[in-house]
C-alpha atoms as a PDB file:
ATOM      1  CA  MET A   1       9.376  10.208  19.527  1.00  0.00           C
ATOM      2  CA  SER A   2       6.570  11.180  21.874  1.00  0.00           C
ATOM      3  CA  TYR A   3       3.815   9.276  20.090  1.00  0.00           C
ATOM      4  CA  LYS A   4       3.231   5.624  19.375  1.00  0.00           C
ATOM      5  CA  ILE A   5       4.665   4.248  16.141  1.00  0.00           C
ATOM      6  CA  LYS A   6       2.253   2.269  13.980  1.00  0.00           C
ATOM      7  CA  LEU A   7       3.504  -0.543  11.769  1.00  0.00           C
ATOM      8  CA  SER A   8       2.020  -1.757   8.502  1.00  0.00           C
ATOM      9  CA  VAL A   9       2.916  -4.417   5.925  1.00  0.00           C
ATOM     10  CA  LEU A  10       3.899  -4.165   2.274  1.00  0.00           C
ATOM     11  CA  ASP A  11       3.607  -7.604   0.664  1.00  0.00           C
ATOM     12  CA  GLN A  12       4.799  -8.175  -2.902  1.00  0.00           C
ATOM     13  CA  SER A  13       3.928 -11.912  -2.707  1.00  0.00           C
ATOM     14  CA  PRO A  14       7.584 -12.915  -3.327  1.00  0.00           C
ATOM     15  CA  ILE A  15       8.328 -16.256  -4.959  1.00  0.00           C
ATOM     16  CA  ARG A  16      11.363 -17.994  -3.488  1.00  0.00           C
ATOM     17  CA  LYS A  17      13.833 -19.834  -5.679  1.00  0.00           C
ATOM     18  CA  GLY A  18      12.277 -23.198  -6.504  1.00  0.00           C
ATOM     19  CA  GLY A  19       8.883 -22.019  -5.243  1.00  0.00           C
ATOM     20  CA  THR A  20       5.615 -21.262  -7.020  1.00  0.00           C
ATOM     21  CA  ALA A  21       3.223 -18.336  -7.344  1.00  0.00           C
ATOM     22  CA  VAL A  22       0.457 -20.394  -5.731  1.00  0.00           C
ATOM     23  CA  GLN A  23       2.682 -20.989  -2.717  1.00  0.00           C
ATOM     24  CA  ALA A  24       3.547 -17.283  -2.509  1.00  0.00           C
ATOM     25  CA  LEU A  25      -0.114 -16.254  -2.542  1.00  0.00           C
ATOM     26  CA  LYS A  26      -1.008 -18.766   0.168  1.00  0.00           C
ATOM     27  CA  GLU A  27       1.788 -17.280   2.255  1.00  0.00           C
ATOM     28  CA  SER A  28       0.313 -13.811   1.683  1.00  0.00           C
ATOM     29  CA  VAL A  29      -2.932 -15.023   3.232  1.00  0.00           C
ATOM     30  CA  LEU A  30      -1.131 -16.466   6.253  1.00  0.00           C
ATOM     31  CA  LEU A  31       0.907 -13.294   6.709  1.00  0.00           C
ATOM     32  CA  ALA A  32      -2.189 -11.090   6.456  1.00  0.00           C
ATOM     33  CA  LYS A  33      -3.891 -13.153   9.157  1.00  0.00           C
ATOM     34  CA  LEU A  34      -0.831 -12.815  11.378  1.00  0.00           C
ATOM     35  CA  ALA A  35      -0.672  -9.048  10.814  1.00  0.00           C
ATOM     36  CA  ASP A  36      -4.373  -8.782  11.670  1.00  0.00           C
ATOM     37  CA  ARG A  37      -3.902 -10.692  14.935  1.00  0.00           C
ATOM     38  CA  MET A  38      -0.742  -8.807  15.907  1.00  0.00           C
ATOM     39  CA  GLY A  39      -2.193  -5.312  15.566  1.00  0.00           C
ATOM     40  CA  TYR A  40      -0.653  -4.003  12.342  1.00  0.00           C
ATOM     41  CA  THR A  41      -2.483  -0.967  10.931  1.00  0.00           C
ATOM     42  CA  ARG A  42      -2.707  -1.850   7.229  1.00  0.00           C
ATOM     43  CA  TYR A  43      -1.712  -4.556   4.772  1.00  0.00           C
ATOM     44  CA  TRP A  44      -0.786  -3.420   1.284  1.00  0.00           C
ATOM     45  CA  VAL A  45      -0.204  -5.618  -1.760  1.00  0.00           C
ATOM     46  CA  SER A  46       1.632  -4.601  -4.907  1.00  0.00           C
ATOM     47  CA  GLU A  47       1.182  -4.581  -8.673  1.00  0.00           C
ATOM     48  CA  HIS A  48       4.018  -6.081 -10.709  1.00  0.00           C
ATOM     49  CA  HIS A  49       4.028  -7.509 -14.224  1.00  0.00           C
ATOM     50  CA  ASN A  50       6.143  -9.726 -16.450  1.00  0.00           C
ATOM     51  CA  THR A  51       8.263 -11.150 -13.633  1.00  0.00           C
ATOM     52  CA  THR A  52       8.747 -14.652 -12.252  1.00  0.00           C
ATOM     53  CA  SER A  53       9.902 -13.507  -8.798  1.00  0.00           C
ATOM     54  CA  LEU A  54       6.721 -11.752  -7.589  1.00  0.00           C
ATOM     55  CA  ALA A  55       3.169 -13.129  -7.726  1.00  0.00           C
ATOM     56  CA  GLY A  56       1.279  -9.884  -7.060  1.00  0.00           C
ATOM     57  CA  SER A  57      -0.078  -8.677 -10.415  1.00  0.00           C
ATOM     58  CA  THR A  58      -3.680  -7.724  -9.553  1.00  0.00           C
ATOM     59  CA  PRO A  59      -3.943  -6.071  -6.123  1.00  0.00           C
ATOM     60  CA  GLU A  60      -7.684  -5.475  -6.417  1.00  0.00           C
ATOM     61  CA  VAL A  61      -8.295  -9.232  -6.666  1.00  0.00           C
ATOM     62  CA  LEU A  62      -5.919 -10.135  -3.857  1.00  0.00           C
ATOM     63  CA  ILE A  63      -7.286  -7.367  -1.606  1.00  0.00           C
ATOM     64  CA  ALA A  64     -10.784  -8.849  -1.839  1.00  0.00           C
ATOM     65  CA  HIS A  65      -9.526 -12.237  -0.717  1.00  0.00           C
ATOM     66  CA  LEU A  66      -7.286 -10.908   2.061  1.00  0.00           C
ATOM     67  CA  ALA A  67      -9.969  -8.605   3.450  1.00  0.00           C
ATOM     68  CA  GLY A  68     -12.329 -11.577   3.589  1.00  0.00           C
ATOM     69  CA  GLU A  69      -9.727 -13.609   5.491  1.00  0.00           C
ATOM     70  CA  THR A  70      -9.074 -10.875   8.099  1.00  0.00           C
ATOM     71  CA  GLU A  71     -11.207  -8.903  10.537  1.00  0.00           C
ATOM     72  CA  HIS A  72      -9.729  -5.574  11.579  1.00  0.00           C
ATOM     73  CA  ILE A  73      -6.686  -4.584   9.549  1.00  0.00           C
ATOM     74  CA  ARG A  74      -7.020  -2.113   6.668  1.00  0.00           C
ATOM     75  CA  VAL A  75      -6.225  -3.799   3.346  1.00  0.00           C
ATOM     76  CA  GLY A  76      -5.147  -2.007   0.220  1.00  0.00           C
ATOM     77  CA  SER A  77      -2.857  -1.504  -2.730  1.00  0.00           C
ATOM     78  CA  GLY A  78       0.755  -0.580  -2.466  1.00  0.00           C
ATOM     79  CA  GLY A  79      -0.043   0.246  -5.129  1.00  0.00           C
ATOM     80  CA  VAL A  80      -2.209   0.302  -8.210  1.00  0.00           C
ATOM     81  CA  MET A  81      -0.061   1.633 -11.058  1.00  0.00           C
ATOM     82  CA  LEU A  82      -2.662   4.096 -12.303  1.00  0.00           C
ATOM     83  CA  PRO A  83      -1.256   4.748 -15.826  1.00  0.00           C
ATOM     84  CA  ASN A  84      -1.785   1.041 -16.560  1.00  0.00           C
ATOM     85  CA  HIS A  85      -5.537   1.371 -16.099  1.00  0.00           C
ATOM     86  CA  SER A  86      -8.741   3.292 -16.719  1.00  0.00           C
ATOM     87  CA  ALA A  87      -9.538   5.649 -13.845  1.00  0.00           C
ATOM     88  CA  LEU A  88     -13.195   4.547 -13.997  1.00  0.00           C
ATOM     89  CA  LYS A  89     -12.310   0.872 -13.712  1.00  0.00           C
ATOM     90  CA  VAL A  90      -9.994   1.521 -10.761  1.00  0.00           C
ATOM     91  CA  ALA A  91     -12.741   3.561  -9.080  1.00  0.00           C
ATOM     92  CA  GLU A  92     -15.305   0.802  -9.590  1.00  0.00           C
ATOM     93  CA  ASN A  93     -12.928  -1.891  -8.361  1.00  0.00           C
ATOM     94  CA  PHE A  94     -12.267   0.014  -5.159  1.00  0.00           C
ATOM     95  CA  ARG A  95     -15.849   1.151  -4.664  1.00  0.00           C
ATOM     96  CA  MET A  96     -16.819  -2.505  -4.802  1.00  0.00           C
ATOM     97  CA  LEU A  97     -14.132  -3.331  -2.238  1.00  0.00           C
ATOM     98  CA  GLU A  98     -15.328  -0.466  -0.032  1.00  0.00           C
ATOM     99  CA  ALA A  99     -18.918  -1.710  -0.313  1.00  0.00           C
ATOM    100  CA  LEU A 100     -17.823  -5.196   0.742  1.00  0.00           C
ATOM    101  CA  PHE A 101     -15.455  -4.063   3.496  1.00  0.00           C
ATOM    102  CA  PRO A 102     -16.506  -0.532   4.535  1.00  0.00           C
ATOM    103  CA  GLY A 103     -13.863   1.510   6.314  1.00  0.00           C
ATOM    104  CA  ARG A 104     -11.097  -1.020   5.692  1.00  0.00           C
ATOM    105  CA  ILE A 105      -9.875  -0.274   2.152  1.00  0.00           C
ATOM    106  CA  ASP A 106      -6.868   1.797   1.041  1.00  0.00           C
ATOM    107  CA  LEU A 107      -6.203   2.798  -2.544  1.00  0.00           C
ATOM    108  CA  GLY A 108      -2.476   3.405  -2.822  1.00  0.00           C
ATOM    109  CA  ILE A 109      -1.495   4.752  -6.248  1.00  0.00           C
ATOM    110  CA  GLY A 110       1.808   4.566  -8.078  1.00  0.00           C
ATOM    111  CA  ARG A 111       2.893   6.119 -11.348  1.00  0.00           C
ATOM    112  CA  ALA A 112       5.598   3.616 -12.374  1.00  0.00           C
ATOM    113  CA  PRO A 113       4.853   0.829 -14.868  1.00  0.00           C
ATOM    114  CA  GLY A 114       5.181  -1.937 -12.285  1.00  0.00           C
ATOM    115  CA  GLY A 115       7.408  -3.713 -14.802  1.00  0.00           C
ATOM    116  CA  ASP A 116       8.664  -2.777 -18.238  1.00  0.00           C
ATOM    117  CA  ARG A 117       7.189  -0.164 -20.553  1.00  0.00           C
ATOM    118  CA  ILE A 118       6.218  -2.695 -23.225  1.00  0.00           C
ATOM    119  CA  THR A 119       4.038  -4.580 -20.751  1.00  0.00           C
ATOM    120  CA  SER A 120       2.581  -1.311 -19.467  1.00  0.00           C
ATOM    121  CA  SER A 121       1.661  -0.213 -22.985  1.00  0.00           C
ATOM    122  CA  ILE A 122      -0.083  -3.537 -23.577  1.00  0.00           C
ATOM    123  CA  LEU A 123      -2.037  -3.185 -20.324  1.00  0.00           C
ATOM    124  CA  ASN A 124      -3.161   0.272 -21.427  1.00  0.00           C
ATOM    125  CA  PRO A 125      -2.595   0.937 -25.155  1.00  0.00           C
ATOM    126  CA  SER A 126      -3.531   4.612 -24.686  1.00  0.00           C
ATOM    127  CA  ASN A 127      -0.791   5.143 -22.081  1.00  0.00           C
ATOM    128  CA  ARG A 128       1.475   7.954 -23.317  1.00  0.00           C
ATOM    129  CA  PHE A 129       3.627   7.989 -20.157  1.00  0.00           C
ATOM    130  CA  LYS A 130       2.943  11.725 -19.768  1.00  0.00           C
ATOM    131  CA  GLU A 131       2.443  13.539 -16.479  1.00  0.00           C
ATOM    132  CA  GLU A 132      -0.589  15.484 -17.683  1.00  0.00           C
ATOM    133  CA  ASP A 133      -2.372  12.178 -18.328  1.00  0.00           C
ATOM    134  CA  LEU A 134      -1.662  11.011 -14.772  1.00  0.00           C
ATOM    135  CA  LEU A 135      -2.941  14.286 -13.333  1.00  0.00           C
ATOM    136  CA  GLN A 136      -6.176  13.989 -15.330  1.00  0.00           C
ATOM    137  CA  GLN A 137      -6.576  10.399 -14.142  1.00  0.00           C
ATOM    138  CA  LEU A 138      -6.237  11.547 -10.533  1.00  0.00           C
ATOM    139  CA  ILE A 139      -8.849  14.271 -11.064  1.00  0.00           C
ATOM    140  CA  ASP A 140     -11.198  11.737 -12.652  1.00  0.00           C
ATOM    141  CA  LEU A 141     -10.528   9.153  -9.943  1.00  0.00           C
ATOM    142  CA  GLN A 142     -11.418  11.552  -7.130  1.00  0.00           C
ATOM    143  CA  ASP A 143     -14.560  12.614  -8.996  1.00  0.00           C
ATOM    144  CA  TYR A 144     -15.657   9.013  -9.456  1.00  0.00           C
ATOM    145  CA  LEU A 145     -14.972   8.075  -5.829  1.00  0.00           C
ATOM    146  CA  HIS A 146     -16.777  11.104  -4.376  1.00  0.00           C
ATOM    147  CA  ASP A 147     -19.486  11.701  -7.015  1.00  0.00           C
ATOM    148  CA  THR A 148     -18.144  15.153  -7.849  1.00  0.00           C
ATOM    149  CA  HIS A 149     -17.610  16.894 -11.179  1.00  0.00           C
ATOM    150  CA  SER A 150     -14.448  18.898 -11.679  1.00  0.00           C
ATOM    151  CA  PRO A 151     -14.560  21.768 -14.213  1.00  0.00           C
ATOM    152  CA  GLY A 152     -14.163  20.525 -17.761  1.00  0.00           C
ATOM    153  CA  ALA A 153     -14.619  16.868 -16.850  1.00  0.00           C
ATOM    154  CA  SER A 154     -15.688  14.595 -19.684  1.00  0.00           C
ATOM    155  CA  HIS A 155     -17.651  12.268 -17.437  1.00  0.00           C
ATOM    156  CA  GLN A 156     -20.516  14.468 -16.252  1.00  0.00           C
ATOM    157  CA  ASN A 157     -23.067  11.701 -16.843  1.00  0.00           C
ATOM    158  CA  VAL A 158     -20.908   8.767 -15.713  1.00  0.00           C
ATOM    159  CA  ARG A 159     -20.898   7.395 -12.160  1.00  0.00           C
ATOM    160  CA  ALA A 160     -18.688   4.724 -10.687  1.00  0.00           C
ATOM    161  CA  ILE A 161     -20.792   1.938  -9.232  1.00  0.00           C
ATOM    162  CA  PRO A 162     -21.646   0.637  -6.747  1.00  0.00           C
ATOM    163  CA  VAL A 163     -22.438   3.942  -5.031  1.00  0.00           C
ATOM    164  CA  THR A 164     -21.195   3.796  -1.447  1.00  0.00           C
ATOM    165  CA  ASP A 165     -21.536   5.928   1.675  1.00  0.00           C
ATOM    166  CA  THR A 166     -17.777   5.791   2.278  1.00  0.00           C
ATOM    167  CA  ALA A 167     -14.721   5.873   0.027  1.00  0.00           C
ATOM    168  CA  PRO A 168     -11.336   4.151   0.216  1.00  0.00           C
ATOM    169  CA  ASP A 169      -8.484   6.212   1.615  1.00  0.00           C
ATOM    170  CA  LEU A 170      -6.279   7.574  -1.167  1.00  0.00           C
ATOM    171  CA  TRP A 171      -2.489   7.405  -0.928  1.00  0.00           C
ATOM    172  CA  MET A 172       0.258   8.338  -3.351  1.00  0.00           C
ATOM    173  CA  LEU A 173       3.308   6.080  -3.287  1.00  0.00           C
ATOM    174  CA  THR A 174       6.510   7.879  -4.107  1.00  0.00           C
ATOM    175  CA  SER A 175      10.272   7.627  -4.227  1.00  0.00           C
ATOM    176  CA  SER A 176      10.703  11.117  -5.698  1.00  0.00           C
ATOM    177  CA  GLY A 177       9.743  14.687  -4.862  1.00  0.00           C
ATOM    178  CA  GLU A 178       7.425  15.038  -7.840  1.00  0.00           C
ATOM    179  CA  SER A 179       4.851  12.527  -6.624  1.00  0.00           C
ATOM    180  CA  GLY A 180       4.953  14.096  -3.162  1.00  0.00           C
ATOM    181  CA  VAL A 181       3.944  17.444  -4.666  1.00  0.00           C
ATOM    182  CA  ILE A 182       1.093  15.736  -6.519  1.00  0.00           C
ATOM    183  CA  ALA A 183      -0.114  14.064  -3.297  1.00  0.00           C
ATOM    184  CA  ALA A 184      -0.088  17.411  -1.483  1.00  0.00           C
ATOM    185  CA  HIS A 185      -2.027  19.109  -4.287  1.00  0.00           C
ATOM    186  CA  PHE A 186      -4.741  16.438  -4.351  1.00  0.00           C
ATOM    187  CA  GLY A 187      -5.004  16.131  -0.575  1.00  0.00           C
ATOM    188  CA  MET A 188      -3.878  12.506  -0.510  1.00  0.00           C
ATOM    189  CA  GLY A 189      -1.776  10.600   1.981  1.00  0.00           C
ATOM    190  CA  VAL A 190       1.809   9.944   0.917  1.00  0.00           C
ATOM    191  CA  SER A 191       4.064   6.958   1.572  1.00  0.00           C
ATOM    192  CA  PHE A 192       7.737   7.374   0.753  1.00  0.00           C
ATOM    193  CA  ALA A 193       9.486   4.242  -0.564  1.00  0.00           C
ATOM    194  CA  HIS A 194      12.778   4.411   1.345  1.00  0.00           C
ATOM    195  CA  PHE A 195      13.313   0.798   0.249  1.00  0.00           C
ATOM    196  CA  ILE A 196      13.639   2.114  -3.313  1.00  0.00           C
ATOM    197  CA  ASN A 197      15.377   5.439  -2.697  1.00  0.00           C
ATOM    198  CA  PRO A 198      17.094   6.056   0.664  1.00  0.00           C
ATOM    199  CA  VAL A 199      17.988   9.656  -0.197  1.00  0.00           C
ATOM    200  CA  GLY A 200      15.863  12.783   0.247  1.00  0.00           C
ATOM    201  CA  GLY A 201      12.787  11.247   1.848  1.00  0.00           C
ATOM    202  CA  PRO A 202      12.602  13.396   5.007  1.00  0.00           C
ATOM    203  CA  GLN A 203      12.861  16.570   2.928  1.00  0.00           C
ATOM    204  CA  LEU A 204      10.090  15.320   0.632  1.00  0.00           C
ATOM    205  CA  ILE A 205       7.784  14.610   3.580  1.00  0.00           C
ATOM    206  CA  ARG A 206       8.411  18.078   5.019  1.00  0.00           C
ATOM    207  CA  ALA A 207       7.645  19.660   1.639  1.00  0.00           C
ATOM    208  CA  TYR A 208       4.490  17.547   1.309  1.00  0.00           C
ATOM    209  CA  LYS A 209       3.230  18.688   4.722  1.00  0.00           C
ATOM    210  CA  ALA A 210       3.997  22.327   3.956  1.00  0.00           C
ATOM    211  CA  ARG A 211       2.121  22.227   0.628  1.00  0.00           C
ATOM    212  CA  PHE A 212      -0.759  19.978   1.684  1.00  0.00           C
ATOM    213  CA  THR A 213      -4.219  21.069   0.529  1.00  0.00           C
ATOM    214  CA  PRO A 214      -7.150  19.517   2.464  1.00  0.00           C
ATOM    215  CA  SER A 215      -9.460  17.333   0.380  1.00  0.00           C
ATOM    216  CA  GLU A 216     -12.806  15.581   0.655  1.00  0.00           C
ATOM    217  CA  GLN A 217     -11.149  12.530   2.171  1.00  0.00           C
ATOM    218  CA  LEU A 218      -8.242  14.011   4.136  1.00  0.00           C
ATOM    219  CA  LYS A 219      -8.204  17.228   6.166  1.00  0.00           C
ATOM    220  CA  GLU A 220      -4.654  16.908   7.539  1.00  0.00           C
ATOM    221  CA  PRO A 221      -1.493  15.508   5.913  1.00  0.00           C
ATOM    222  CA  GLN A 222      -0.891  11.810   6.456  1.00  0.00           C
ATOM    223  CA  ALA A 223       2.509  10.274   5.774  1.00  0.00           C
ATOM    224  CA  SER A 224       4.409   7.032   6.222  1.00  0.00           C
ATOM    225  CA  VAL A 225       7.746   5.560   5.172  1.00  0.00           C
ATOM    226  CA  GLY A 226       8.341   2.091   3.688  1.00  0.00           C
ATOM    227  CA  ILE A 227      11.527   0.105   4.238  1.00  0.00           C
ATOM    228  CA  PHE A 228      12.944  -3.420   3.952  1.00  0.00           C
ATOM    229  CA  VAL A 229      13.251  -4.990   7.420  1.00  0.00           C
ATOM    230  CA  PHE A 230      14.396  -8.300   8.837  1.00  0.00           C
ATOM    231  CA  CYS A 231      14.444  -8.972  12.567  1.00  0.00           C
ATOM    232  CA  SER A 232      15.662 -12.119  14.340  1.00  0.00           C
ATOM    233  CA  GLU A 233      16.976 -13.119  17.757  1.00  0.00           C
ATOM    234  CA  ASP A 234      19.466 -15.403  15.973  1.00  0.00           C
ATOM    235  CA  GLU A 235      22.567 -13.371  15.046  1.00  0.00           C
ATOM    236  CA  VAL A 236      23.746 -16.008  12.552  1.00  0.00           C
ATOM    237  CA  LYS A 237      20.392 -15.815  10.768  1.00  0.00           C
ATOM    238  CA  VAL A 238      20.656 -12.024  10.744  1.00  0.00           C
ATOM    239  CA  LYS A 239      24.064 -12.157   9.021  1.00  0.00           C
ATOM    240  CA  GLN A 240      22.932 -14.761   6.511  1.00  0.00           C
ATOM    241  CA  THR A 241      19.724 -12.884   5.638  1.00  0.00           C
ATOM    242  CA  GLN A 242      21.710  -9.683   5.238  1.00  0.00           C
ATOM    243  CA  ALA A 243      23.998 -11.487   2.786  1.00  0.00           C
ATOM    244  CA  VAL A 244      21.047 -12.798   0.783  1.00  0.00           C
ATOM    245  CA  MET A 245      19.405  -9.379   0.646  1.00  0.00           C
ATOM    246  CA  ASP A 246      22.705  -7.871  -0.517  1.00  0.00           C
ATOM    247  CA  TRP A 247      22.915 -10.455  -3.288  1.00  0.00           C
ATOM    248  CA  GLN A 248      19.279 -10.028  -4.328  1.00  0.00           C
ATOM    249  CA  LEU A 249      19.415  -6.257  -4.663  1.00  0.00           C
ATOM    250  CA  VAL A 250      22.676  -6.360  -6.619  1.00  0.00           C
ATOM    251  CA  ASN A 251      21.126  -8.793  -9.075  1.00  0.00           C
ATOM    252  CA  ILE A 252      17.834  -6.894  -9.349  1.00  0.00           C
ATOM    253  CA  GLY A 253      19.965  -3.900 -10.284  1.00  0.00           C
ATOM    254  CA  LYS A 254      21.347  -5.987 -13.154  1.00  0.00           C
ATOM    255  CA  GLY A 255      17.854  -6.952 -14.285  1.00  0.00           C
ATOM    256  CA  ILE A 256      18.204 -10.475 -12.860  1.00  0.00           C
ATOM    257  CA  SER A 257      15.371 -11.697 -10.646  1.00  0.00           C
ATOM    258  CA  ASN A 258      14.720 -15.430 -10.476  1.00  0.00           C
ATOM    259  CA  GLY A 259      13.261 -15.778  -7.011  1.00  0.00           C
ATOM    260  CA  PHE A 260      14.639 -15.174  -3.524  1.00  0.00           C
ATOM    261  CA  PRO A 261      17.547 -17.604  -2.941  1.00  0.00           C
ATOM    262  CA  SER A 262      18.738 -19.381   0.178  1.00  0.00           C
ATOM    263  CA  TYR A 263      21.988 -18.468   1.913  1.00  0.00           C
ATOM    264  CA  GLU A 264      23.554 -21.697   0.640  1.00  0.00           C
ATOM    265  CA  ASP A 265      22.844 -20.584  -2.925  1.00  0.00           C
ATOM    266  CA  ILE A 266      24.838 -17.357  -2.597  1.00  0.00           C
ATOM    267  CA  ARG A 267      27.352 -17.910   0.205  1.00  0.00           C
ATOM    268  CA  SER A 268      30.356 -18.257  -2.130  1.00  0.00           C
ATOM    269  CA  THR A 269      29.582 -15.156  -4.213  1.00  0.00           C
ATOM    270  CA  VAL A 270      32.540 -12.844  -4.821  1.00  0.00           C
ATOM    271  CA  TYR A 271      31.690  -9.217  -5.570  1.00  0.00           C
ATOM    272  CA  SER A 272      33.553  -6.697  -7.684  1.00  0.00           C
ATOM    273  CA  GLU A 273      34.580  -3.379  -6.164  1.00  0.00           C
ATOM    274  CA  SER A 274      31.672  -1.589  -7.834  1.00  0.00           C
ATOM    275  CA  GLU A 275      29.262  -4.231  -6.542  1.00  0.00           C
ATOM    276  CA  GLN A 276      30.616  -3.800  -3.029  1.00  0.00           C
ATOM    277  CA  GLN A 277      29.973  -0.064  -3.295  1.00  0.00           C
ATOM    278  CA  LEU A 278      26.438  -0.813  -4.468  1.00  0.00           C
ATOM    279  CA  ILE A 279      25.924  -3.114  -1.486  1.00  0.00           C
ATOM    280  CA  GLY A 280      26.968  -0.284   0.822  1.00  0.00           C
ATOM    281  CA  TYR A 281      24.416   2.001  -0.803  1.00  0.00           C
ATOM    282  CA  ASN A 282      21.660  -0.639  -0.768  1.00  0.00           C
ATOM    283  CA  ARG A 283      22.085  -1.230   2.956  1.00  0.00           C
ATOM    284  CA  GLN A 284      20.642   2.239   3.476  1.00  0.00           C
ATOM    285  CA  ARG A 285      17.403   0.827   2.042  1.00  0.00           C
ATOM    286  CA  MET A 286      16.984  -1.736   4.817  1.00  0.00           C
ATOM    287  CA  VAL A 287      17.159  -2.417   8.530  1.00  0.00           C
ATOM    288  CA  VAL A 288      18.441  -5.878   9.422  1.00  0.00           C
ATOM    289  CA  GLY A 289      19.347  -6.969  12.924  1.00  0.00           C
ATOM    290  CA  THR A 290      18.404  -8.278  16.341  1.00  0.00           C
ATOM    291  CA  PRO A 291      15.335  -6.825  18.087  1.00  0.00           C
ATOM    292  CA  GLU A 292      17.165  -4.108  20.025  1.00  0.00           C
ATOM    293  CA  VAL A 293      19.056  -2.929  16.937  1.00  0.00           C
ATOM    294  CA  VAL A 294      15.960  -2.947  14.725  1.00  0.00           C
ATOM    295  CA  LYS A 295      13.799  -1.051  17.216  1.00  0.00           C
ATOM    296  CA  GLU A 296      16.415   1.663  17.660  1.00  0.00           C
ATOM    297  CA  LYS A 297      16.943   2.103  13.909  1.00  0.00           C
ATOM    298  CA  LEU A 298      13.245   2.121  13.020  1.00  0.00           C
ATOM    299  CA  THR A 299      12.464   4.592  15.784  1.00  0.00           C
ATOM    300  CA  SER A 300      15.247   6.855  14.505  1.00  0.00           C
ATOM    301  CA  LEU A 301      13.866   6.519  10.973  1.00  0.00           C
ATOM    302  CA  ALA A 302      10.386   7.593  12.095  1.00  0.00           C
ATOM    303  CA  VAL A 303      11.833  10.587  13.922  1.00  0.00           C
ATOM    304  CA  GLU A 304      13.969  11.570  10.906  1.00  0.00           C
ATOM    305  CA  TYR A 305      10.922  11.437   8.607  1.00  0.00           C
ATOM    306  CA  GLY A 306       8.545  12.992  11.104  1.00  0.00           C
ATOM    307  CA  VAL A 307       6.007  10.188  10.668  1.00  0.00           C
ATOM    308  CA  ASP A 308       4.206   7.871  13.055  1.00  0.00           C
ATOM    309  CA  GLU A 309       3.808   4.942  10.655  1.00  0.00           C
ATOM    310  CA  ILE A 310       6.371   2.621   9.078  1.00  0.00           C
ATOM    311  CA  VAL A 311       5.432   0.203   6.296  1.00  0.00           C
ATOM    312  CA  ILE A 312       7.513  -2.968   6.548  1.00  0.00           C
ATOM    313  CA  ALA A 313       8.534  -5.139   3.575  1.00  0.00           C
ATOM    314  CA  THR A 314      10.182  -8.407   4.581  1.00  0.00           C
ATOM    315  CA  ILE A 315      11.354 -11.098   2.167  1.00  0.00           C
ATOM    316  CA  THR A 316      13.074 -14.305   3.309  1.00  0.00           C
ATOM    317  CA  TYR A 317      13.781 -17.709   1.815  1.00  0.00           C
ATOM    318  CA  ASP A 318      12.236 -19.454   4.814  1.00  0.00           C
ATOM    319  CA  PHE A 319       8.645 -18.301   5.317  1.00  0.00           C
ATOM    320  CA  ALA A 320       8.824 -19.100   9.045  1.00  0.00           C
ATOM    321  CA  ASP A 321      11.616 -16.525   9.372  1.00  0.00           C
ATOM    322  CA  ARG A 322       9.405 -13.946   7.672  1.00  0.00           C
ATOM    323  CA  LEU A 323       6.509 -14.615  10.022  1.00  0.00           C
ATOM    324  CA  ARG A 324       8.774 -14.495  13.077  1.00  0.00           C
ATOM    325  CA  SER A 325      10.265 -11.173  11.993  1.00  0.00           C
ATOM    326  CA  TYR A 326       6.809  -9.595  11.843  1.00  0.00           C
ATOM    327  CA  GLU A 327       5.910 -11.138  15.214  1.00  0.00           C
ATOM    328  CA  LEU A 328       9.022  -9.687  16.833  1.00  0.00           C
ATOM    329  CA  LEU A 329       8.308  -6.240  15.393  1.00  0.00           C
ATOM    330  CA  ALA A 330       4.751  -6.316  16.722  1.00  0.00           C
ATOM    331  CA  GLU A 331       6.063  -7.213  20.166  1.00  0.00           C
ATOM    332  CA  LEU A 332       8.835  -4.606  20.058  1.00  0.00           C
ATOM    333  CA  PHE A 333       6.451  -1.776  19.203  1.00  0.00           C
ATOM    334  CA  GLU A 334       3.622  -3.107  21.402  1.00  0.00           C
ATOM    335  CA  LEU A 335       1.117  -2.942  18.567  1.00  0.00           C
ATOM    336  CA  LYS A 336      -1.705  -4.571  20.506  1.00  0.00           C
ATOM    337  CA  LYS A 337      -1.629  -2.025  23.351  1.00  0.00           C
END
């Protein structure tokens, strides 16, 4: 690739087996500070509900804290699950963040529940899980953020406060073609979740770019790809982390998620033939290896997708291994230069 690859962070505030949510959130702060120092472009935090393995339930709250603890890096949501919320409340949350940290806030939007449908319906009792509702929310959200009034809007006399001179950057998070089309129509950036779906992403990004309509906030298409990554100079640690990630994704697929385990916890696991096939598929969702291997694979991924930014999600049992992986990636891709 002829241009420099930018790296960003997706942090779900993972809770390790035997750990606590408080510990996970403190680690998010430390990781954000590291990413800021090392030259990462943005730091996104997620919205998940009704789970004991992830601490990130309210990205807008965590973003405020992380932005206050860092200096340069963009901080945002990866993402806010818009159907769970009022478009006005999301707009006001992120206008407040933009007022506090101008030019540093991203509003990444997802359409999934961020958990189960029962929890989602409790978060927003009017949620009908219908696409037309999401599209109206996106229209309303852009109106609120830019003080515009789309035809037929029901909020002609309602403004999102505080009123700001700038607006957060809008991104659509997607693992399917449908959301990519929506992002192109609304003139939003798009980030493809390869760590969820390793199939069809490059085609989606090409379609998004071809259909992109310029908007108030974005004149040219902007795209990135997100993937699970672990990098270490220790080949034994690489093999052990790969084994743990294999185990974790198999169990998440079964609806089992009780915190990220250590290698010792899972080393004796025996997999069925169907589970072994699933492991083979899941390995497409990640890049795990020594620095040379990881750099080559991530560079190839960026070329395949036609993007210049990769969003890295790294989960390890040992937090020091997680920090070191991000340090190595920053050095490999010369983020500070």
